Protein backbone atom coordinates (compact mmCIF):
# COMPACT_ATOMS: atom_id res chain seq x y z
CA MET A 1 82.34 81.97 73.88
CA ALA A 2 81.85 81.58 77.62
CA ASN A 3 79.87 84.85 77.74
CA ASP A 4 77.62 86.82 75.41
CA PRO A 5 79.36 89.43 73.27
CA ILE A 6 79.82 92.80 74.96
CA SER A 7 77.23 95.49 74.09
CA GLN A 8 77.89 98.99 72.79
CA SER A 9 77.01 100.49 76.17
CA ASP A 10 79.54 98.16 77.77
CA VAL A 11 82.15 99.24 75.23
CA ALA A 12 81.68 102.81 76.44
CA ALA A 13 81.86 101.61 80.04
CA VAL A 14 85.17 99.84 79.33
CA GLN A 15 86.60 103.04 77.88
CA ALA A 16 85.41 104.93 80.97
CA CYS A 17 87.15 102.33 83.15
CA GLU A 18 90.42 102.78 81.27
CA ASN A 19 90.19 106.56 81.69
CA ALA A 20 89.40 106.25 85.40
CA TYR A 21 92.33 103.89 85.88
CA GLY A 22 94.65 106.37 84.18
CA LYS A 23 93.47 109.21 86.45
CA LEU A 24 93.84 107.00 89.51
CA ARG A 25 97.43 106.11 88.61
CA ASP A 26 98.22 109.79 88.07
CA GLU A 27 96.84 110.70 91.49
CA LEU A 28 98.66 107.88 93.28
CA SER A 29 101.93 108.77 91.54
CA LYS A 30 101.88 112.06 93.46
CA VAL A 31 102.65 110.07 96.62
CA ILE A 32 103.68 106.55 95.56
CA VAL A 33 106.84 106.07 93.49
CA GLY A 34 106.75 102.97 91.26
CA GLN A 35 104.81 99.91 92.44
CA ALA A 36 102.83 99.89 89.16
CA ASP A 37 102.17 96.14 89.33
CA VAL A 38 100.97 96.36 92.94
CA ILE A 39 98.55 99.19 92.11
CA GLU A 40 97.26 97.26 89.09
CA GLN A 41 96.69 94.10 91.14
CA VAL A 42 94.95 95.99 93.96
CA LEU A 43 92.54 97.57 91.45
CA VAL A 44 91.97 94.20 89.79
CA ALA A 45 90.99 92.72 93.16
CA MET A 46 88.66 95.63 93.82
CA PHE A 47 86.90 95.40 90.44
CA ALA A 48 86.71 91.60 90.80
CA LYS A 49 84.86 92.23 94.11
CA GLY A 50 87.46 90.48 96.24
CA HIS A 51 89.98 91.21 98.98
CA ALA A 52 93.76 91.30 98.78
CA LEU A 53 96.67 90.46 101.05
CA LEU A 54 99.79 92.63 100.64
CA GLU A 55 103.01 91.05 101.84
CA GLY A 56 106.39 92.72 102.01
CA VAL A 57 109.18 93.69 104.35
CA PRO A 58 108.74 96.82 106.50
CA GLY A 59 109.24 100.23 104.91
CA LEU A 60 107.88 99.49 101.43
CA ALA A 61 104.93 101.92 101.80
CA LYS A 62 102.19 99.26 101.98
CA THR A 63 100.19 101.29 104.48
CA LEU A 64 100.82 104.52 102.57
CA LEU A 65 99.60 102.87 99.37
CA VAL A 66 96.30 101.82 100.94
CA SER A 67 95.67 105.14 102.67
CA SER A 68 96.52 107.00 99.43
CA LEU A 69 94.13 104.76 97.51
CA ALA A 70 91.41 105.64 100.01
CA GLU A 71 92.07 109.35 99.41
CA SER A 72 91.71 108.86 95.65
CA LEU A 73 88.29 107.20 96.03
CA HIS A 74 85.01 108.64 97.30
CA LEU A 75 84.78 105.86 99.91
CA SER A 76 84.69 105.67 103.68
CA PHE A 77 88.00 104.36 105.04
CA LYS A 78 89.01 102.74 108.32
CA ARG A 79 92.40 101.44 109.48
CA ILE A 80 92.55 98.56 111.95
CA GLN A 81 95.92 97.98 113.61
CA PHE A 82 95.97 94.32 114.61
CA THR A 83 97.58 93.53 117.96
CA PRO A 84 97.71 90.40 120.17
CA ASP A 85 95.08 91.83 122.55
CA LEU A 86 92.53 92.77 119.86
CA MET A 87 89.12 91.12 120.39
CA PRO A 88 86.55 90.24 117.70
CA SER A 89 84.13 92.86 119.04
CA ASP A 90 86.84 95.51 118.60
CA ILE A 91 86.46 94.91 114.86
CA THR A 92 82.79 94.07 114.33
CA GLY A 93 81.25 96.22 117.06
CA THR A 94 79.33 95.45 120.24
CA GLU A 95 76.02 96.04 121.96
CA ILE A 96 75.96 98.57 124.79
CA ILE A 97 73.21 99.39 127.31
CA GLN A 98 71.71 102.84 126.90
CA GLU A 99 69.32 104.44 129.37
CA ASP A 100 66.53 106.75 128.22
CA LEU A 101 66.85 109.91 130.36
CA GLU A 102 63.08 110.52 130.33
CA THR A 103 61.60 107.05 130.79
CA LYS A 104 64.60 105.62 132.66
CA LYS A 105 64.20 102.46 130.58
CA ARG A 106 67.29 100.65 129.40
CA ARG A 107 67.79 99.19 125.96
CA TYR A 108 70.56 97.63 123.94
CA GLU A 109 72.14 99.69 121.20
CA PHE A 110 74.65 98.38 118.67
CA LEU A 111 77.86 100.36 118.39
CA GLU A 112 79.41 99.73 114.98
CA GLY A 113 83.04 98.67 114.80
CA PRO A 114 85.59 99.89 112.24
CA ILE A 115 84.60 97.07 109.86
CA PHE A 116 81.62 99.20 108.83
CA ALA A 117 83.40 101.13 106.08
CA ASN A 118 83.88 100.75 102.32
CA LEU A 119 87.66 100.32 102.39
CA ILE A 120 89.40 98.61 105.30
CA LEU A 121 93.14 98.52 105.94
CA ALA A 122 93.80 95.46 108.11
CA ASP A 123 97.35 96.32 109.13
CA GLU A 124 99.58 93.39 110.19
CA ILE A 125 96.70 90.92 110.25
CA ASN A 126 99.05 88.13 111.36
CA ARG A 127 99.69 89.88 114.70
CA THR A 128 96.27 89.07 116.16
CA PRO A 129 95.04 85.71 117.55
CA PRO A 130 93.07 83.24 115.38
CA LYS A 131 89.75 84.11 117.05
CA THR A 132 90.01 87.74 115.94
CA GLN A 133 91.35 86.76 112.52
CA ALA A 134 88.35 84.46 112.07
CA ALA A 135 85.90 87.26 112.90
CA MET A 136 87.58 89.47 110.32
CA LEU A 137 87.62 86.78 107.65
CA GLU A 138 83.97 85.88 108.29
CA ALA A 139 82.96 89.49 107.74
CA MET A 140 85.03 89.55 104.55
CA GLN A 141 83.41 86.39 103.20
CA GLU A 142 79.80 87.01 104.19
CA ARG A 143 79.92 90.82 103.90
CA GLN A 144 77.82 91.02 107.05
CA VAL A 145 78.19 90.97 110.82
CA SER A 146 76.03 89.01 113.25
CA ALA A 147 75.74 90.48 116.76
CA GLY A 148 73.05 90.04 119.38
CA GLY A 149 71.08 87.76 117.09
CA THR A 150 70.81 90.45 114.39
CA ILE A 151 72.53 90.34 111.01
CA ARG A 152 73.88 93.68 109.86
CA LYS A 153 74.99 94.18 106.28
CA LEU A 154 78.32 95.83 105.59
CA PRO A 155 78.52 98.81 103.19
CA ASP A 156 78.68 98.23 99.44
CA PRO A 157 81.26 98.35 97.96
CA PHE A 158 83.28 96.62 100.68
CA PHE A 159 86.95 95.88 100.21
CA VAL A 160 89.67 94.72 102.62
CA LEU A 161 93.38 95.23 102.05
CA ALA A 162 95.38 93.32 104.65
CA THR A 163 99.13 93.62 105.17
CA GLN A 164 101.61 91.30 106.80
CA ASN A 165 105.36 91.19 107.35
CA PRO A 166 106.92 87.92 106.08
CA LEU A 167 110.18 88.28 108.03
CA GLU A 168 109.38 88.63 111.71
CA GLN A 169 107.48 85.59 113.00
CA GLU A 170 107.96 86.06 116.76
CA GLY A 171 104.69 87.08 118.40
CA THR A 172 102.67 86.48 115.25
CA TYR A 173 99.79 84.14 114.38
CA PRO A 174 100.31 82.94 110.78
CA MET A 175 97.02 82.38 108.99
CA PRO A 176 96.29 78.81 107.89
CA GLU A 177 96.23 78.14 104.16
CA ALA A 178 92.45 77.57 104.26
CA GLN A 179 92.00 81.11 105.59
CA LEU A 180 94.48 82.62 103.15
CA ASP A 181 92.22 81.24 100.40
CA ARG A 182 89.61 83.84 101.46
CA PHE A 183 91.82 86.50 99.89
CA LEU A 184 91.26 86.82 96.17
CA LEU A 185 94.88 87.86 95.55
CA HIS A 186 98.15 87.53 97.45
CA ILE A 187 100.20 90.51 96.30
CA ARG A 188 103.95 90.69 96.86
CA VAL A 189 105.41 94.16 97.43
CA ASP A 190 109.06 94.15 96.37
CA TYR A 191 111.94 96.56 96.87
CA PRO A 192 111.96 99.60 94.54
CA THR A 193 114.40 99.91 91.67
CA GLY A 194 117.49 102.07 92.07
CA ALA A 195 115.91 105.01 90.24
CA GLU A 196 112.67 104.70 92.22
CA GLU A 197 114.49 104.60 95.55
CA TRP A 198 116.50 107.69 94.55
CA GLU A 199 113.25 109.53 93.78
CA ILE A 200 111.66 108.37 97.06
CA ALA A 201 114.60 109.78 99.02
CA ARG A 202 114.53 113.06 97.06
CA ARG A 203 110.79 113.58 97.60
CA VAL A 204 110.54 112.57 101.24
CA THR A 205 113.62 114.39 102.50
CA ALA A 206 112.59 117.54 100.63
CA GLY A 207 109.05 117.36 102.02
CA ALA A 208 107.68 117.48 98.47
CA GLN A 209 104.39 115.66 98.94
CA GLU A 210 101.35 116.65 96.91
CA SER A 211 97.74 116.20 97.95
CA ILE A 212 95.60 113.55 96.28
CA SER A 213 92.23 114.32 94.71
CA ALA A 214 89.38 111.81 94.71
CA CYS A 215 88.68 110.63 91.16
CA MET A 216 86.39 107.59 91.47
CA THR A 217 83.12 107.08 93.33
CA GLY A 218 81.65 104.02 95.02
CA GLN A 219 78.91 103.98 92.39
CA GLN A 220 81.48 103.82 89.60
CA ILE A 221 83.29 100.96 91.34
CA ALA A 222 80.00 99.03 91.71
CA GLU A 223 79.29 99.57 88.00
CA PHE A 224 82.78 98.36 87.03
CA GLN A 225 82.28 95.28 89.24
CA GLN A 226 79.09 94.47 87.31
CA LEU A 227 80.87 95.16 84.02
CA VAL A 228 83.56 92.58 84.84
CA LYS A 229 80.88 89.88 85.00
CA ARG A 230 79.82 90.70 81.42
CA VAL A 231 83.31 90.69 79.87
CA PRO A 232 83.48 87.76 77.42
CA VAL A 233 86.05 84.99 77.77
CA SER A 234 86.84 82.68 74.86
CA ASP A 235 87.03 78.92 75.32
CA GLN A 236 90.74 79.15 74.51
CA VAL A 237 91.43 81.59 77.36
CA LEU A 238 89.15 79.71 79.76
CA GLY A 239 90.78 76.42 78.73
CA TYR A 240 94.28 77.78 79.32
CA ALA A 241 93.36 78.94 82.83
CA TRP A 242 91.64 75.58 83.45
CA ALA A 243 94.75 73.68 82.30
CA LEU A 244 96.99 75.73 84.62
CA ILE A 245 94.79 74.98 87.63
CA ARG A 246 94.43 71.27 86.83
CA ALA A 247 98.21 70.98 86.50
CA THR A 248 98.80 72.28 90.06
CA ARG A 249 97.31 69.16 91.69
CA PRO A 250 99.85 66.41 92.50
CA GLY A 251 98.81 62.83 91.87
CA THR A 252 96.42 63.70 89.03
CA PRO A 253 96.84 62.76 85.34
CA GLU A 254 97.29 66.42 84.38
CA ALA A 255 100.11 67.09 86.87
CA PRO A 256 103.65 67.46 85.44
CA GLU A 257 106.40 65.48 87.12
CA PHE A 258 107.82 68.48 89.00
CA VAL A 259 104.37 69.10 90.54
CA ASN A 260 104.24 65.52 91.83
CA GLN A 261 107.73 65.96 93.24
CA TRP A 262 107.57 69.46 94.74
CA VAL A 263 103.91 70.39 95.44
CA ALA A 264 102.04 69.40 98.63
CA TRP A 265 98.63 70.44 97.29
CA GLY A 266 97.33 72.51 94.43
CA ALA A 267 94.59 75.03 93.75
CA GLY A 268 90.91 74.16 94.00
CA PRO A 269 88.03 75.43 91.83
CA ARG A 270 88.20 78.81 93.58
CA GLY A 271 91.62 79.24 92.02
CA LEU A 272 90.13 78.90 88.52
CA LEU A 273 87.30 81.31 89.33
CA THR A 274 89.84 83.81 90.65
CA LEU A 275 92.12 83.49 87.63
CA VAL A 276 89.33 84.00 85.08
CA THR A 277 87.60 86.82 86.96
CA CYS A 278 90.85 88.71 87.56
CA ALA A 279 91.84 88.30 83.91
CA LYS A 280 88.52 89.92 82.96
CA ALA A 281 89.03 92.74 85.46
CA ARG A 282 92.54 93.40 84.17
CA ALA A 283 91.25 93.55 80.59
CA ILE A 284 88.88 96.45 81.29
CA LEU A 285 91.58 98.36 83.17
CA TYR A 286 93.46 98.55 79.88
CA GLY A 287 90.40 99.32 77.76
CA ARG A 288 90.03 95.87 76.22
CA TYR A 289 86.64 94.22 75.73
CA HIS A 290 87.64 90.62 76.33
CA ALA A 291 90.10 88.72 78.50
CA SER A 292 93.27 87.38 76.89
CA ILE A 293 95.94 84.77 77.52
CA GLY A 294 98.22 87.63 78.57
CA ASP A 295 95.74 88.69 81.24
CA VAL A 296 95.71 85.17 82.66
CA GLN A 297 99.51 85.01 82.69
CA ALA A 298 99.75 88.43 84.37
CA MET A 299 97.42 87.38 87.19
CA VAL A 300 98.57 83.80 87.77
CA LYS A 301 101.13 84.57 90.50
CA PRO A 302 98.96 86.74 92.77
CA ALA A 303 96.00 84.42 92.15
CA LEU A 304 97.82 81.15 92.92
CA ARG A 305 100.83 81.82 95.19
CA HIS A 306 98.67 81.26 98.30
CA ARG A 307 96.76 78.37 96.75
CA LEU A 308 99.74 76.25 95.69
CA ALA A 309 101.89 74.89 98.53
CA ALA A 310 105.49 73.81 98.07
CA ASN A 311 106.27 70.69 100.13
CA TYR A 312 109.16 70.44 102.61
CA SER A 313 111.49 68.94 100.04
CA ALA A 314 110.81 71.80 97.63
CA GLN A 315 111.41 74.41 100.33
CA ALA A 316 114.70 72.72 101.27
CA ASN A 317 115.79 72.98 97.63
CA GLY A 318 114.75 76.61 97.27
CA TYR A 319 111.54 76.05 95.29
CA THR A 320 109.03 78.70 96.37
CA SER A 321 105.41 78.93 95.19
CA ASP A 322 106.42 81.67 92.76
CA LYS A 323 109.19 79.51 91.28
CA LEU A 324 106.78 76.59 90.86
CA ILE A 325 104.26 78.86 89.14
CA GLU A 326 106.98 80.01 86.72
CA MET A 327 107.75 76.36 85.94
CA LEU A 328 104.04 75.78 85.43
CA LEU A 329 103.79 78.64 82.93
CA ALA A 330 106.71 77.15 81.01
CA GLU A 331 105.11 73.69 81.05
CA ILE A 332 101.51 74.53 80.05
CA SER A 333 101.34 75.74 76.46
CA ALA A 334 99.14 78.69 75.53
CA GLU A 335 99.34 77.58 71.88
CA LYS A 336 97.51 74.33 72.45
CA THR A 337 93.84 74.29 71.41
CA TYR A 338 91.52 74.00 74.38
CA ALA A 339 87.89 72.92 74.35
CA CYS A 340 85.29 71.91 76.89
CA PRO A 341 86.19 68.41 78.18
CA ALA A 342 83.73 65.59 77.74
CA ALA A 343 81.50 64.84 80.73
């Protein structure tokens, strides 16, 4: 095993996580219709102590989902609307000069920006210039802000959900692939089913919107994040995830022919770490005490779609990252026996 067996106290913690997840889904269902996979992946990212990028066309309730999630958690919440004129200090905060009314002495005082909250909605992150994007991504990665020569820690837990519109590119600043890699998961928000869209129209036009009750605390989230680290992963599951990642890299012995033909570059070691950690996080959401092959397969698209780049020839032939990942899942067998490779 890659980890020590889970203890009895952790077994109880896993059951508590499953119960909390069920309550959270019930609360969100009061406002959000469908989107079960999106909600699952957002919670996986949160419990894996990472950030997520939500991408979808306008009107799919991405912002409503994040704000509703904030209502269901005992966490501080801030929404940042990214615009072309937004400056880094508008996010991180800035130092201002304050004058003492009695002594008349002036001193610098740091005014915290909206980044100082537990849950951040970075709305339309691709609408702000690279300098501001970089400040946001640095805070996400380091979980701290440096201003005036002083390092200030961000709250714990700290989680960023960013949204972007994939259709309209005029007046936007697409993030480079190296910066997209800072997001643990790239979550696609799709159109609702016919029945879901019918229910959305019925609820919204009738004004039938219920209030959401908070059902999970920051302390519980921190405990679940620590629990994820202790979830055991068998060599078979680890080996399957390892084989998937190795196969994404063109020009290597492990790469299938279609990868050499259609992929510009594949996932790095961070992709493997993401896949394994998210598989563990998904396992505890469903009350299981170890990660499975199914968990890896469920998380492979959001974990790799921004870490595997289709080349120009693939794009011209209609091969998207998601399509290439599906071909990868068909190519790499979960039945094969995996073991630690020789040094």
